[in-house]
Amino acid sequence: MIRRILVSDRIDLDAFMEGVKEGNSTVQVDVRPEISAEELRAIIKDYDGIVFRSRTKLDPELLTNSNLLCAIRAGNGLDNVHLETARRRGIEVFNCPELSKEDVADYTMAMLVNLTRNIIKAHLSLLEGKWDRDMLTGSSFKHKTLGIVGLGRIGTEVALRARAHGMKVIAHDIEKMEEYAQKHNVRLVSLPELLRQSDFLTLHLPLNTTTHRLLNREKISSLKKGVYIVNSSREQLFDFPALVEAIKSGQVAGYATDVFEEEPLRSEHELITLAKQGYNVLVTPHIGAQVVEVQQSIARDCGKKIVQFFDSLEKI
């Protein structure tokens, strides 16, 4: 039986096909990386599987009207898939959470360095012919406290890097045990305690009903004044208007993020406006895992997983 697979976002196709060839199933791969939501709804019934990234939204209507057997996200997180509908329809959903953890952690630390050492501002200033060293004085990591919300794969990698910078590391995670934290030289604390103590804050959580607006107005108001924040998880972890107010007031001294509720980012987004007004805000277009080697590994893994899934069906 020939299985039809739709690739609805940009992935490394050569690596993907390498993974596909490791299985026994016969597949036909159609590549439509620019397909619109309307076009996807019109053709989804023709496919047994779909490979996608953050651009594609697998909502209840699309899944209900599909004949999909499996869906694989080429990356981390599954917040753009309505998992309840997928389960009800018997659609197996996979992702690739392990392959990008080191690189997202590297991104997180790079953004912390940029926020605290004014590197981007210094570069742009020099291009304008200025030599304002005193205006670009930074802040050190050493002996300061990094609070990690979510001590999973990525959070643990961030903790490792932060320790190398001489930082004290505390974390909040509802699942991790004290033994795990101690193994990685991290002290587990309650979320309120973490917010009060942290000079730097990074977030590494999936978006779900529990984490949506986890950092609400009350929690944001309890942050240590002058905290620097890197959010490489999801924008919706924050009460966004309250976050903006905290940036404007100076309670949040710097905020960097790679993720937004609506992507691609609109030019009138409030964070872009704040950055243009001179606030210490850095935004990038969801590039935390946009590394050649990582994207190749993820695409190859997706190819393997999808043919392994179809191979397993043939054995039933």
C-alpha atoms as a PDB file:
ATOM      1  CA  MET A   1       0.000   0.000   0.000  1.00  0.00           C
ATOM      2  CA  ILE A   2       1.284   3.465  -0.899  1.00  0.00           C
ATOM      3  CA  ARG A   3       1.044   5.930   1.987  1.00  0.00           C
ATOM      4  CA  ARG A   4       0.658   9.602   1.109  1.00  0.00           C
ATOM      5  CA  ILE A   5       2.553  12.105   3.253  1.00  0.00           C
ATOM      6  CA  LEU A   6       2.199  15.875   3.147  1.00  0.00           C
ATOM      7  CA  VAL A   7       5.078  18.101   4.257  1.00  0.00           C
ATOM      8  CA  SER A   8       3.338  21.387   5.047  1.00  0.00           C
ATOM      9  CA  ASP A   9       6.290  23.431   6.346  1.00  0.00           C
ATOM     10  CA  ARG A  10       9.933  23.915   5.436  1.00  0.00           C
ATOM     11  CA  ILE A  11      12.200  21.062   6.527  1.00  0.00           C
ATOM     12  CA  ASP A  12      15.457  19.590   5.236  1.00  0.00           C
ATOM     13  CA  LEU A  13      13.982  17.318   2.540  1.00  0.00           C
ATOM     14  CA  ASP A  14      17.194  15.456   1.753  1.00  0.00           C
ATOM     15  CA  ALA A  15      17.580  14.466   5.403  1.00  0.00           C
ATOM     16  CA  PHE A  16      13.881  13.617   5.640  1.00  0.00           C
ATOM     17  CA  MET A  17      14.089  11.256   2.666  1.00  0.00           C
ATOM     18  CA  GLU A  18      17.192   9.630   4.174  1.00  0.00           C
ATOM     19  CA  GLY A  19      15.072   8.764   7.181  1.00  0.00           C
ATOM     20  CA  VAL A  20      12.179   7.545   5.051  1.00  0.00           C
ATOM     21  CA  LYS A  21      14.448   5.141   3.158  1.00  0.00           C
ATOM     22  CA  GLU A  22      15.289   3.330   6.394  1.00  0.00           C
ATOM     23  CA  GLY A  23      11.783   1.881   6.523  1.00  0.00           C
ATOM     24  CA  ASN A  24       9.956  -0.659   4.415  1.00  0.00           C
ATOM     25  CA  SER A  25       6.740   1.216   3.667  1.00  0.00           C
ATOM     26  CA  THR A  26       6.152   2.726   0.238  1.00  0.00           C
ATOM     27  CA  VAL A  27       5.394   6.413   0.587  1.00  0.00           C
ATOM     28  CA  GLN A  28       4.558   9.311  -1.694  1.00  0.00           C
ATOM     29  CA  VAL A  29       5.781  12.608  -0.313  1.00  0.00           C
ATOM     30  CA  ASP A  30       4.135  15.858  -1.414  1.00  0.00           C
ATOM     31  CA  VAL A  31       5.929  19.046  -0.380  1.00  0.00           C
ATOM     32  CA  ARG A  32       3.783  22.174   0.106  1.00  0.00           C
ATOM     33  CA  PRO A  33       5.737  24.430   2.513  1.00  0.00           C
ATOM     34  CA  GLU A  34       3.720  27.542   1.643  1.00  0.00           C
ATOM     35  CA  ILE A  35       0.284  25.932   1.705  1.00  0.00           C
ATOM     36  CA  SER A  36      -2.422  28.145   3.188  1.00  0.00           C
ATOM     37  CA  ALA A  37      -4.840  27.030   5.883  1.00  0.00           C
ATOM     38  CA  GLU A  38      -7.688  27.041   3.362  1.00  0.00           C
ATOM     39  CA  GLU A  39      -5.742  24.963   0.851  1.00  0.00           C
ATOM     40  CA  LEU A  40      -4.737  22.512   3.558  1.00  0.00           C
ATOM     41  CA  ARG A  41      -8.366  21.978   4.565  1.00  0.00           C
ATOM     42  CA  ALA A  42      -9.260  21.275   0.956  1.00  0.00           C
ATOM     43  CA  ILE A  43      -6.692  18.493   0.452  1.00  0.00           C
ATOM     44  CA  ILE A  44      -6.078  17.007   3.902  1.00  0.00           C
ATOM     45  CA  LYS A  45      -8.413  14.041   3.236  1.00  0.00           C
ATOM     46  CA  ASP A  46      -5.969  12.798   0.601  1.00  0.00           C
ATOM     47  CA  TYR A  47      -3.176  12.120   3.107  1.00  0.00           C
ATOM     48  CA  ASP A  48      -2.293   9.398   5.591  1.00  0.00           C
ATOM     49  CA  GLY A  49       0.353  11.464   7.364  1.00  0.00           C
ATOM     50  CA  ILE A  50       1.514  15.040   7.759  1.00  0.00           C
ATOM     51  CA  VAL A  51       4.891  16.515   8.739  1.00  0.00           C
ATOM     52  CA  PHE A  52       4.669  20.101   9.996  1.00  0.00           C
ATOM     53  CA  ARG A  53       6.276  22.810  12.106  1.00  0.00           C
ATOM     54  CA  SER A  54       4.872  25.787  14.022  1.00  0.00           C
ATOM     55  CA  ARG A  55       3.241  27.452  11.008  1.00  0.00           C
ATOM     56  CA  THR A  56       0.692  24.676  10.476  1.00  0.00           C
ATOM     57  CA  LYS A  57      -2.282  24.544  12.834  1.00  0.00           C
ATOM     58  CA  LEU A  58      -3.976  21.155  13.252  1.00  0.00           C
ATOM     59  CA  ASP A  59      -7.224  22.379  14.767  1.00  0.00           C
ATOM     60  CA  PRO A  60     -10.335  20.287  15.572  1.00  0.00           C
ATOM     61  CA  GLU A  61     -12.059  21.059  12.266  1.00  0.00           C
ATOM     62  CA  LEU A  62      -9.063  20.083  10.147  1.00  0.00           C
ATOM     63  CA  LEU A  63      -8.390  16.889  12.094  1.00  0.00           C
ATOM     64  CA  THR A  64     -12.048  15.858  12.083  1.00  0.00           C
ATOM     65  CA  ASN A  65     -12.266  16.270   8.312  1.00  0.00           C
ATOM     66  CA  SER A  66      -9.034  14.383   7.663  1.00  0.00           C
ATOM     67  CA  ASN A  67      -8.106  10.758   7.084  1.00  0.00           C
ATOM     68  CA  LEU A  68      -4.784  11.193   8.862  1.00  0.00           C
ATOM     69  CA  LEU A  69      -3.265   8.252  10.659  1.00  0.00           C
ATOM     70  CA  CYS A  70      -0.278  10.165  12.057  1.00  0.00           C
ATOM     71  CA  ALA A  71       1.080  13.688  12.433  1.00  0.00           C
ATOM     72  CA  ILE A  72       4.694  14.543  13.208  1.00  0.00           C
ATOM     73  CA  ARG A  73       5.936  17.956  14.300  1.00  0.00           C
ATOM     74  CA  ALA A  74       9.482  18.615  13.136  1.00  0.00           C
ATOM     75  CA  GLY A  75      10.506  20.191  16.403  1.00  0.00           C
ATOM     76  CA  ASN A  76       9.494  20.647  20.027  1.00  0.00           C
ATOM     77  CA  GLY A  77       6.043  21.310  21.481  1.00  0.00           C
ATOM     78  CA  LEU A  78       2.590  20.272  20.294  1.00  0.00           C
ATOM     79  CA  ASP A  79       0.546  23.340  21.171  1.00  0.00           C
ATOM     80  CA  ASN A  80      -0.513  23.810  17.527  1.00  0.00           C
ATOM     81  CA  VAL A  81      -2.223  20.397  17.555  1.00  0.00           C
ATOM     82  CA  HIS A  82      -5.626  19.818  19.149  1.00  0.00           C
ATOM     83  CA  LEU A  83      -4.532  16.664  20.929  1.00  0.00           C
ATOM     84  CA  GLU A  84      -7.969  15.731  22.264  1.00  0.00           C
ATOM     85  CA  THR A  85      -9.405  15.617  18.737  1.00  0.00           C
ATOM     86  CA  ALA A  86      -6.369  13.698  17.507  1.00  0.00           C
ATOM     87  CA  ARG A  87      -6.842  11.080  20.241  1.00  0.00           C
ATOM     88  CA  ARG A  88     -10.536  10.797  19.524  1.00  0.00           C
ATOM     89  CA  ARG A  89      -9.832  10.287  15.835  1.00  0.00           C
ATOM     90  CA  GLY A  90      -7.085   7.742  16.514  1.00  0.00           C
ATOM     91  CA  ILE A  91      -4.379   9.944  15.005  1.00  0.00           C
ATOM     92  CA  GLU A  92      -0.921   9.268  16.433  1.00  0.00           C
ATOM     93  CA  VAL A  93       0.985  12.488  17.136  1.00  0.00           C
ATOM     94  CA  PHE A  94       4.772  12.681  17.501  1.00  0.00           C
ATOM     95  CA  ASN A  95       7.431  15.357  17.887  1.00  0.00           C
ATOM     96  CA  CYS A  96      11.232  15.531  18.265  1.00  0.00           C
ATOM     97  CA  PRO A  97      11.913  17.053  21.701  1.00  0.00           C
ATOM     98  CA  GLU A  98      15.411  15.709  22.305  1.00  0.00           C
ATOM     99  CA  LEU A  99      17.258  16.877  19.229  1.00  0.00           C
ATOM    100  CA  SER A 100      17.267  20.645  19.753  1.00  0.00           C
ATOM    101  CA  LYS A 101      17.756  20.934  23.524  1.00  0.00           C
ATOM    102  CA  GLU A 102      21.435  21.954  23.486  1.00  0.00           C
ATOM    103  CA  ASP A 103      20.970  24.530  20.753  1.00  0.00           C
ATOM    104  CA  VAL A 104      17.910  26.148  22.338  1.00  0.00           C
ATOM    105  CA  ALA A 105      19.901  26.327  25.584  1.00  0.00           C
ATOM    106  CA  ASP A 106      22.759  27.984  23.689  1.00  0.00           C
ATOM    107  CA  TYR A 107      20.277  30.470  22.234  1.00  0.00           C
ATOM    108  CA  THR A 108      18.904  31.206  25.703  1.00  0.00           C
ATOM    109  CA  MET A 109      22.345  31.976  27.110  1.00  0.00           C
ATOM    110  CA  ALA A 110      23.249  34.055  24.065  1.00  0.00           C
ATOM    111  CA  MET A 111      20.184  36.204  24.580  1.00  0.00           C
ATOM    112  CA  LEU A 112      20.977  36.628  28.275  1.00  0.00           C
ATOM    113  CA  VAL A 113      24.466  37.813  27.325  1.00  0.00           C
ATOM    114  CA  ASN A 114      23.037  40.225  24.764  1.00  0.00           C
ATOM    115  CA  LEU A 115      20.507  41.625  27.234  1.00  0.00           C
ATOM    116  CA  THR A 116      23.042  42.204  29.995  1.00  0.00           C
ATOM    117  CA  ARG A 117      26.097  43.288  27.971  1.00  0.00           C
ATOM    118  CA  ASN A 118      24.337  45.489  25.377  1.00  0.00           C
ATOM    119  CA  ILE A 119      26.150  43.761  22.533  1.00  0.00           C
ATOM    120  CA  ILE A 120      23.571  44.480  19.830  1.00  0.00           C
ATOM    121  CA  LYS A 121      23.196  48.080  20.991  1.00  0.00           C
ATOM    122  CA  ALA A 122      26.985  48.490  20.986  1.00  0.00           C
ATOM    123  CA  HIS A 123      27.255  47.103  17.454  1.00  0.00           C
ATOM    124  CA  LEU A 124      24.545  49.404  16.107  1.00  0.00           C
ATOM    125  CA  SER A 125      26.011  52.375  17.989  1.00  0.00           C
ATOM    126  CA  LEU A 126      29.431  51.811  16.453  1.00  0.00           C
ATOM    127  CA  LEU A 127      27.915  51.569  12.972  1.00  0.00           C
ATOM    128  CA  GLU A 128      26.440  55.016  13.596  1.00  0.00           C
ATOM    129  CA  GLY A 129      29.922  56.365  14.329  1.00  0.00           C
ATOM    130  CA  LYS A 130      29.462  56.605  18.103  1.00  0.00           C
ATOM    131  CA  TRP A 131      31.888  55.519  20.828  1.00  0.00           C
ATOM    132  CA  ASP A 132      29.600  55.525  23.885  1.00  0.00           C
ATOM    133  CA  ARG A 133      31.371  53.028  26.144  1.00  0.00           C
ATOM    134  CA  ASP A 134      29.994  54.500  29.362  1.00  0.00           C
ATOM    135  CA  MET A 135      26.435  54.286  28.038  1.00  0.00           C
ATOM    136  CA  LEU A 136      26.944  50.589  27.235  1.00  0.00           C
ATOM    137  CA  THR A 137      28.098  49.374  30.641  1.00  0.00           C
ATOM    138  CA  GLY A 138      26.760  45.898  31.291  1.00  0.00           C
ATOM    139  CA  SER A 139      25.929  43.601  34.178  1.00  0.00           C
ATOM    140  CA  SER A 140      27.811  40.479  35.322  1.00  0.00           C
ATOM    141  CA  PHE A 141      26.433  36.952  35.734  1.00  0.00           C
ATOM    142  CA  LYS A 142      28.862  35.918  38.468  1.00  0.00           C
ATOM    143  CA  HIS A 143      27.348  35.157  41.886  1.00  0.00           C
ATOM    144  CA  LYS A 144      23.888  36.178  40.675  1.00  0.00           C
ATOM    145  CA  THR A 145      20.820  33.948  40.619  1.00  0.00           C
ATOM    146  CA  LEU A 146      19.249  32.403  37.566  1.00  0.00           C
ATOM    147  CA  GLY A 147      15.711  31.128  38.028  1.00  0.00           C
ATOM    148  CA  ILE A 148      14.630  28.415  35.608  1.00  0.00           C
ATOM    149  CA  VAL A 149      10.914  27.749  35.214  1.00  0.00           C
ATOM    150  CA  GLY A 150      10.720  24.219  33.828  1.00  0.00           C
ATOM    151  CA  LEU A 151      13.691  21.957  34.558  1.00  0.00           C
ATOM    152  CA  GLY A 152      13.127  19.636  31.623  1.00  0.00           C
ATOM    153  CA  ARG A 153      15.463  18.826  28.746  1.00  0.00           C
ATOM    154  CA  ILE A 154      16.186  22.434  27.776  1.00  0.00           C
ATOM    155  CA  GLY A 155      16.032  23.865  31.308  1.00  0.00           C
ATOM    156  CA  THR A 156      18.595  21.331  32.487  1.00  0.00           C
ATOM    157  CA  GLU A 157      20.948  22.295  29.645  1.00  0.00           C
ATOM    158  CA  VAL A 158      20.532  25.973  30.542  1.00  0.00           C
ATOM    159  CA  ALA A 159      21.379  25.168  34.165  1.00  0.00           C
ATOM    160  CA  LEU A 160      24.606  23.473  33.047  1.00  0.00           C
ATOM    161  CA  ARG A 161      25.647  26.542  31.059  1.00  0.00           C
ATOM    162  CA  ALA A 162      24.657  28.979  33.791  1.00  0.00           C
ATOM    163  CA  ARG A 163      26.796  27.141  36.336  1.00  0.00           C
ATOM    164  CA  ALA A 164      29.762  27.485  33.980  1.00  0.00           C
ATOM    165  CA  HIS A 165      29.172  31.264  34.092  1.00  0.00           C
ATOM    166  CA  GLY A 166      29.417  31.237  37.888  1.00  0.00           C
ATOM    167  CA  MET A 167      25.698  31.697  38.499  1.00  0.00           C
ATOM    168  CA  LYS A 168      23.620  30.305  41.333  1.00  0.00           C
ATOM    169  CA  VAL A 169      20.793  28.271  39.820  1.00  0.00           C
ATOM    170  CA  ILE A 170      17.338  27.688  41.252  1.00  0.00           C
ATOM    171  CA  ALA A 171      14.391  26.109  39.472  1.00  0.00           C
ATOM    172  CA  HIS A 172      10.694  25.436  39.721  1.00  0.00           C
ATOM    173  CA  ASP A 173       9.240  22.305  38.178  1.00  0.00           C
ATOM    174  CA  ILE A 174       6.096  20.457  39.253  1.00  0.00           C
ATOM    175  CA  GLU A 175       7.426  17.104  38.033  1.00  0.00           C
ATOM    176  CA  LYS A 176      11.148  16.996  38.809  1.00  0.00           C
ATOM    177  CA  MET A 177      12.277  15.472  42.103  1.00  0.00           C
ATOM    178  CA  GLU A 178      14.893  16.866  44.476  1.00  0.00           C
ATOM    179  CA  GLU A 179      17.309  14.052  43.611  1.00  0.00           C
ATOM    180  CA  TYR A 180      17.227  15.064  39.922  1.00  0.00           C
ATOM    181  CA  ALA A 181      17.821  18.728  40.769  1.00  0.00           C
ATOM    182  CA  GLN A 182      20.726  17.958  43.083  1.00  0.00           C
ATOM    183  CA  LYS A 183      22.351  15.839  40.377  1.00  0.00           C
ATOM    184  CA  HIS A 184      22.437  18.958  38.190  1.00  0.00           C
ATOM    185  CA  ASN A 185      23.485  21.355  40.986  1.00  0.00           C
ATOM    186  CA  VAL A 186      20.100  23.072  41.023  1.00  0.00           C
ATOM    187  CA  ARG A 187      17.979  23.946  44.046  1.00  0.00           C
ATOM    188  CA  LEU A 188      14.239  23.408  43.631  1.00  0.00           C
ATOM    189  CA  VAL A 189      12.015  26.152  45.057  1.00  0.00           C
ATOM    190  CA  SER A 190       8.408  27.254  44.859  1.00  0.00           C
ATOM    191  CA  LEU A 191       7.444  29.540  41.987  1.00  0.00           C
ATOM    192  CA  PRO A 192       6.817  32.560  44.272  1.00  0.00           C
ATOM    193  CA  GLU A 193      10.255  32.111  45.872  1.00  0.00           C
ATOM    194  CA  LEU A 194      11.912  31.778  42.473  1.00  0.00           C
ATOM    195  CA  LEU A 195      10.311  34.976  41.202  1.00  0.00           C
ATOM    196  CA  ARG A 196      11.420  36.915  44.300  1.00  0.00           C
ATOM    197  CA  GLN A 197      15.029  35.695  44.197  1.00  0.00           C
ATOM    198  CA  SER A 198      15.915  35.599  40.491  1.00  0.00           C
ATOM    199  CA  ASP A 199      18.187  38.209  38.922  1.00  0.00           C
ATOM    200  CA  PHE A 200      17.709  36.372  35.630  1.00  0.00           C
ATOM    201  CA  LEU A 201      14.725  34.284  34.565  1.00  0.00           C
ATOM    202  CA  THR A 202      14.340  31.760  31.752  1.00  0.00           C
ATOM    203  CA  LEU A 203      11.234  29.801  30.797  1.00  0.00           C
ATOM    204  CA  HIS A 204      11.178  26.275  29.376  1.00  0.00           C
ATOM    205  CA  LEU A 205       7.610  25.007  29.586  1.00  0.00           C
ATOM    206  CA  PRO A 206       5.097  23.519  27.156  1.00  0.00           C
ATOM    207  CA  LEU A 207       1.959  25.552  26.554  1.00  0.00           C
ATOM    208  CA  ASN A 208      -1.130  23.876  27.982  1.00  0.00           C
ATOM    209  CA  THR A 209      -4.106  24.693  30.205  1.00  0.00           C
ATOM    210  CA  THR A 210      -1.885  24.619  33.298  1.00  0.00           C
ATOM    211  CA  THR A 211       0.854  26.899  31.973  1.00  0.00           C
ATOM    212  CA  HIS A 212      -1.298  29.350  29.988  1.00  0.00           C
ATOM    213  CA  ARG A 213      -0.690  32.765  31.612  1.00  0.00           C
ATOM    214  CA  LEU A 214       1.190  31.055  34.425  1.00  0.00           C
ATOM    215  CA  LEU A 215       2.964  34.360  35.017  1.00  0.00           C
ATOM    216  CA  ASN A 216      -0.117  36.462  35.593  1.00  0.00           C
ATOM    217  CA  ARG A 217      -0.237  40.081  36.730  1.00  0.00           C
ATOM    218  CA  GLU A 218       0.173  39.170  40.406  1.00  0.00           C
ATOM    219  CA  LYS A 219       3.212  36.960  39.775  1.00  0.00           C
ATOM    220  CA  ILE A 220       4.807  39.500  37.440  1.00  0.00           C
ATOM    221  CA  SER A 221       4.415  42.176  40.112  1.00  0.00           C
ATOM    222  CA  SER A 222       6.345  39.926  42.533  1.00  0.00           C
ATOM    223  CA  LEU A 223       9.406  39.707  40.259  1.00  0.00           C
ATOM    224  CA  LYS A 224      12.662  41.074  41.606  1.00  0.00           C
ATOM    225  CA  LYS A 225      13.106  44.635  40.348  1.00  0.00           C
ATOM    226  CA  GLY A 226      15.582  44.781  37.456  1.00  0.00           C
ATOM    227  CA  VAL A 227      15.193  41.134  36.421  1.00  0.00           C
ATOM    228  CA  TYR A 228      16.285  40.015  32.952  1.00  0.00           C
ATOM    229  CA  ILE A 229      14.004  37.488  31.220  1.00  0.00           C
ATOM    230  CA  VAL A 230      14.492  35.152  28.266  1.00  0.00           C
ATOM    231  CA  ASN A 231      11.385  33.383  26.990  1.00  0.00           C
ATOM    232  CA  SER A 232      12.105  30.690  24.416  1.00  0.00           C
ATOM    233  CA  SER A 233       8.942  28.713  25.202  1.00  0.00           C
ATOM    234  CA  ARG A 234       5.685  30.477  24.347  1.00  0.00           C
ATOM    235  CA  GLU A 235       4.435  34.078  24.620  1.00  0.00           C
ATOM    236  CA  GLN A 236       1.197  32.863  26.212  1.00  0.00           C
ATOM    237  CA  LEU A 237       3.000  31.840  29.409  1.00  0.00           C
ATOM    238  CA  PHE A 238       2.700  35.525  30.372  1.00  0.00           C
ATOM    239  CA  ASP A 239      -0.166  37.877  30.966  1.00  0.00           C
ATOM    240  CA  PHE A 240       1.200  39.914  28.086  1.00  0.00           C
ATOM    241  CA  PRO A 241      -0.224  43.378  28.951  1.00  0.00           C
ATOM    242  CA  ALA A 242       1.171  43.013  32.487  1.00  0.00           C
ATOM    243  CA  LEU A 243       4.563  42.020  31.062  1.00  0.00           C
ATOM    244  CA  VAL A 244       4.605  45.101  28.838  1.00  0.00           C
ATOM    245  CA  GLU A 245       3.822  47.310  31.833  1.00  0.00           C
ATOM    246  CA  ALA A 246       6.673  45.704  33.802  1.00  0.00           C
ATOM    247  CA  ILE A 247       9.107  46.417  30.953  1.00  0.00           C
ATOM    248  CA  LYS A 248       7.972  50.023  30.732  1.00  0.00           C
ATOM    249  CA  SER A 249       8.264  50.555  34.486  1.00  0.00           C
ATOM    250  CA  GLY A 250      11.774  49.093  34.614  1.00  0.00           C
ATOM    251  CA  GLN A 251      10.797  46.224  36.890  1.00  0.00           C
ATOM    252  CA  VAL A 252      11.876  44.007  33.995  1.00  0.00           C
ATOM    253  CA  ALA A 253      15.269  45.412  32.947  1.00  0.00           C
ATOM    254  CA  GLY A 254      15.446  43.349  29.779  1.00  0.00           C
ATOM    255  CA  TYR A 255      13.259  40.906  27.890  1.00  0.00           C
ATOM    256  CA  ALA A 256      14.279  38.650  25.017  1.00  0.00           C
ATOM    257  CA  THR A 257      12.033  36.236  23.182  1.00  0.00           C
ATOM    258  CA  ASP A 258      11.934  33.999  20.153  1.00  0.00           C
ATOM    259  CA  VAL A 259       8.250  33.026  20.306  1.00  0.00           C
ATOM    260  CA  PHE A 260       4.988  34.829  19.726  1.00  0.00           C
ATOM    261  CA  GLU A 261       1.300  34.025  19.977  1.00  0.00           C
ATOM    262  CA  GLU A 262       0.871  34.842  16.292  1.00  0.00           C
ATOM    263  CA  GLU A 263       3.669  33.992  13.874  1.00  0.00           C
ATOM    264  CA  PRO A 264       4.993  35.516  11.658  1.00  0.00           C
ATOM    265  CA  LEU A 265       5.249  38.531  13.936  1.00  0.00           C
ATOM    266  CA  ARG A 266       3.302  41.640  12.951  1.00  0.00           C
ATOM    267  CA  SER A 267       5.365  44.786  12.475  1.00  0.00           C
ATOM    268  CA  GLU A 268       3.077  46.620  14.914  1.00  0.00           C
ATOM    269  CA  HIS A 269       3.585  44.066  17.700  1.00  0.00           C
ATOM    270  CA  GLU A 270       4.078  45.814  21.040  1.00  0.00           C
ATOM    271  CA  LEU A 271       7.510  44.285  21.625  1.00  0.00           C
ATOM    272  CA  ILE A 272       8.795  45.704  18.345  1.00  0.00           C
ATOM    273  CA  THR A 273       7.392  49.084  19.342  1.00  0.00           C
ATOM    274  CA  LEU A 274       9.131  48.890  22.732  1.00  0.00           C
ATOM    275  CA  ALA A 275      12.451  47.949  21.107  1.00  0.00           C
ATOM    276  CA  LYS A 276      12.175  50.892  18.710  1.00  0.00           C
ATOM    277  CA  GLN A 277      11.457  53.186  21.661  1.00  0.00           C
ATOM    278  CA  GLY A 278      14.743  52.185  23.265  1.00  0.00           C
ATOM    279  CA  TYR A 279      13.618  49.649  25.844  1.00  0.00           C
ATOM    280  CA  ASN A 280      15.922  46.669  26.402  1.00  0.00           C
ATOM    281  CA  VAL A 281      13.851  44.257  24.307  1.00  0.00           C
ATOM    282  CA  LEU A 282      15.263  41.705  21.863  1.00  0.00           C
ATOM    283  CA  VAL A 283      13.093  39.724  19.446  1.00  0.00           C
ATOM    284  CA  THR A 284      14.054  37.033  16.944  1.00  0.00           C
ATOM    285  CA  PRO A 285      11.883  35.048  14.481  1.00  0.00           C
ATOM    286  CA  HIS A 286      11.664  31.649  16.244  1.00  0.00           C
ATOM    287  CA  ILE A 287      15.268  30.648  15.523  1.00  0.00           C
ATOM    288  CA  GLY A 288      16.141  28.896  18.785  1.00  0.00           C
ATOM    289  CA  ALA A 289      16.534  25.562  17.006  1.00  0.00           C
ATOM    290  CA  GLN A 290      17.294  26.999  13.563  1.00  0.00           C
ATOM    291  CA  VAL A 291      20.700  25.336  13.285  1.00  0.00           C
ATOM    292  CA  VAL A 292      21.767  23.388  10.191  1.00  0.00           C
ATOM    293  CA  GLU A 293      22.801  20.250  12.037  1.00  0.00           C
ATOM    294  CA  VAL A 294      19.716  20.292  14.255  1.00  0.00           C
ATOM    295  CA  GLN A 295      17.300  20.750  11.364  1.00  0.00           C
ATOM    296  CA  GLN A 296      18.938  17.892   9.501  1.00  0.00           C
ATOM    297  CA  SER A 297      18.688  15.623  12.525  1.00  0.00           C
ATOM    298  CA  ILE A 298      15.054  16.560  13.136  1.00  0.00           C
ATOM    299  CA  ALA A 299      14.066  16.004   9.502  1.00  0.00           C
ATOM    300  CA  ARG A 300      15.852  12.650   9.418  1.00  0.00           C
ATOM    301  CA  ASP A 301      14.129  11.632  12.657  1.00  0.00           C
ATOM    302  CA  CYS A 302      10.731  12.610  11.242  1.00  0.00           C
ATOM    303  CA  GLY A 303      11.368  10.449   8.192  1.00  0.00           C
ATOM    304  CA  LYS A 304      12.296   7.483  10.381  1.00  0.00           C
ATOM    305  CA  LYS A 305       9.310   7.917  12.680  1.00  0.00           C
ATOM    306  CA  ILE A 306       6.731   8.157   9.931  1.00  0.00           C
ATOM    307  CA  VAL A 307       7.862   5.019   8.099  1.00  0.00           C
ATOM    308  CA  GLN A 308       8.266   3.140  11.376  1.00  0.00           C
ATOM    309  CA  PHE A 309       4.660   4.023  12.142  1.00  0.00           C
ATOM    310  CA  PHE A 310       3.412   2.800   8.759  1.00  0.00           C
ATOM    311  CA  ASP A 311       5.619  -0.302   8.993  1.00  0.00           C
ATOM    312  CA  SER A 312       3.972  -1.128  12.314  1.00  0.00           C
ATOM    313  CA  LEU A 313       0.530  -0.896  10.710  1.00  0.00           C
ATOM    314  CA  GLU A 314       1.541  -3.399   8.041  1.00  0.00           C
ATOM    315  CA  LYS A 315       2.378  -5.937  10.749  1.00  0.00           C
ATOM    316  CA  ILE A 316      -1.044  -5.783  12.359  1.00  0.00           C
END
